[in-house]
Amino acid sequence: MKNLNNLVKQAQKMQAEMAKIQEEMANREIEATAGGGMVTVVANGKQEILRIKIDPEVVNKDDVEMLQDLVIAGVNEALRKSKEMMEEELKKVAGGLAFKIPGF
């Protein structure tokens, strides 16, 4: 029974640490670019897009599809990096245990 109590305490501690990391991730930013830097996307660790910067040179009313593709590529890369950053932080808490957090 003592081992079960210790296990529960460890799980509660890990859960609290994970919640703290998720909170901290809201304040951490990552940056991704597409088109050789023509589109820059900044996201936080909660996979929220914070800013998108588009170089005026890439804006061409006759080729809107290219700009759309660059924005999509930049956003997808920023979200991928954000997810990777969160997973790395959570691995530190979990001690390398394999797990999947819903929504991440």
Protein backbone atom coordinates (compact mmCIF):
# COMPACT_ATOMS: atom_id res chain seq x y z
CA MET A 1 0.00 0.00 0.00
CA LYS A 2 2.91 2.32 0.75
CA ASN A 3 4.23 1.82 -2.79
CA LEU A 4 0.84 2.73 -4.21
CA ASN A 5 0.77 5.94 -2.15
CA ASN A 6 4.26 6.84 -3.38
CA LEU A 7 3.22 6.18 -6.96
CA VAL A 8 0.16 8.41 -6.58
CA LYS A 9 2.28 11.19 -5.07
CA GLN A 10 4.78 10.93 -7.93
CA ALA A 11 1.96 11.06 -10.47
CA GLN A 12 0.48 14.15 -8.81
CA LYS A 13 3.89 15.83 -8.78
CA MET A 14 4.41 15.01 -12.46
CA GLN A 15 0.95 16.33 -13.31
CA ALA A 16 1.68 19.61 -11.50
CA GLU A 17 5.02 19.96 -13.28
CA MET A 18 3.36 19.32 -16.65
CA ALA A 19 0.72 21.96 -15.95
CA LYS A 20 3.48 24.43 -15.05
CA ILE A 21 5.33 23.67 -18.30
CA GLN A 22 2.17 24.14 -20.34
CA GLU A 23 1.69 27.53 -18.69
CA GLU A 24 5.30 28.50 -19.40
CA MET A 25 4.95 27.44 -23.04
CA ALA A 26 2.43 30.22 -23.58
CA ASN A 27 5.29 32.69 -23.03
CA ARG A 28 7.87 30.92 -25.20
CA GLU A 29 8.06 31.80 -28.87
CA ILE A 30 9.47 30.02 -31.90
CA GLU A 31 9.94 31.35 -35.39
CA ALA A 32 9.64 29.62 -38.75
CA THR A 33 10.17 30.92 -42.25
CA ALA A 34 9.09 29.93 -45.74
CA GLY A 35 10.23 31.02 -49.17
CA GLY A 36 13.74 31.81 -48.04
CA GLY A 37 12.49 34.19 -45.37
CA MET A 38 9.80 35.85 -47.46
CA VAL A 39 7.20 34.75 -44.90
CA THR A 40 7.98 34.57 -41.18
CA VAL A 41 5.61 33.05 -38.66
CA VAL A 42 5.94 33.30 -34.88
CA ALA A 43 4.06 30.88 -32.64
CA ASN A 44 4.10 30.13 -28.94
CA GLY A 45 4.48 26.79 -27.21
CA LYS A 46 0.72 26.41 -27.02
CA GLN A 47 0.61 26.21 -30.81
CA GLU A 48 -0.96 29.63 -31.20
CA ILE A 49 0.13 31.85 -34.08
CA LEU A 50 1.26 35.20 -32.68
CA ARG A 51 2.58 37.05 -35.72
CA ILE A 52 2.99 36.67 -39.46
CA LYS A 53 5.39 38.90 -41.38
CA ILE A 54 5.23 38.97 -45.18
CA ASP A 55 8.01 40.56 -47.21
CA PRO A 56 6.37 43.09 -49.59
CA GLU A 57 8.41 41.65 -52.48
CA VAL A 58 6.41 38.42 -52.35
CA VAL A 59 3.07 40.24 -52.65
CA ASN A 60 1.95 39.97 -56.26
CA LYS A 61 -1.72 40.38 -57.11
CA ASP A 62 -1.20 38.15 -60.14
CA ASP A 63 0.19 35.27 -58.05
CA VAL A 64 -1.85 35.17 -54.86
CA GLU A 65 -1.62 31.36 -54.79
CA MET A 66 2.15 31.49 -54.22
CA LEU A 67 1.70 33.81 -51.25
CA GLN A 68 -1.01 31.56 -49.83
CA ASP A 69 1.28 28.54 -50.20
CA LEU A 70 4.12 30.36 -48.42
CA VAL A 71 1.85 31.37 -45.54
CA ILE A 72 0.58 27.81 -45.18
CA ALA A 73 4.13 26.43 -45.26
CA GLY A 74 5.29 28.96 -42.66
CA VAL A 75 2.35 28.30 -40.34
CA ASN A 76 2.74 24.52 -40.60
CA GLU A 77 6.46 24.75 -39.82
CA ALA A 78 5.83 27.05 -36.85
CA LEU A 79 3.22 24.67 -35.46
CA ARG A 80 5.53 21.69 -35.98
CA LYS A 81 8.33 23.47 -34.11
CA SER A 82 5.93 24.50 -31.34
CA LYS A 83 4.74 20.93 -30.88
CA GLU A 84 8.33 19.68 -30.86
CA MET A 85 9.30 22.25 -28.23
CA MET A 86 6.38 21.20 -26.00
CA GLU A 87 7.17 17.50 -26.39
CA GLU A 88 10.82 18.07 -25.44
CA GLU A 89 9.85 19.95 -22.29
CA LEU A 90 7.31 17.33 -21.27
CA LYS A 91 9.85 14.54 -21.83
CA LYS A 92 12.07 16.17 -19.23
CA VAL A 93 9.29 15.90 -16.66
CA ALA A 94 8.26 12.39 -17.65
CA GLY A 95 11.80 11.09 -17.49
CA GLY A 96 11.66 9.80 -21.05
CA LEU A 97 8.41 7.89 -20.65
CA ALA A 98 6.48 7.57 -23.87
CA PHE A 99 3.13 9.26 -23.62
CA LYS A 100 0.75 11.35 -25.64
CA ILE A 101 -0.87 14.50 -24.27
CA PRO A 102 -4.30 15.19 -25.80
CA GLY A 103 -4.19 18.30 -27.94
CA PHE A 104 -0.40 18.23 -28.43
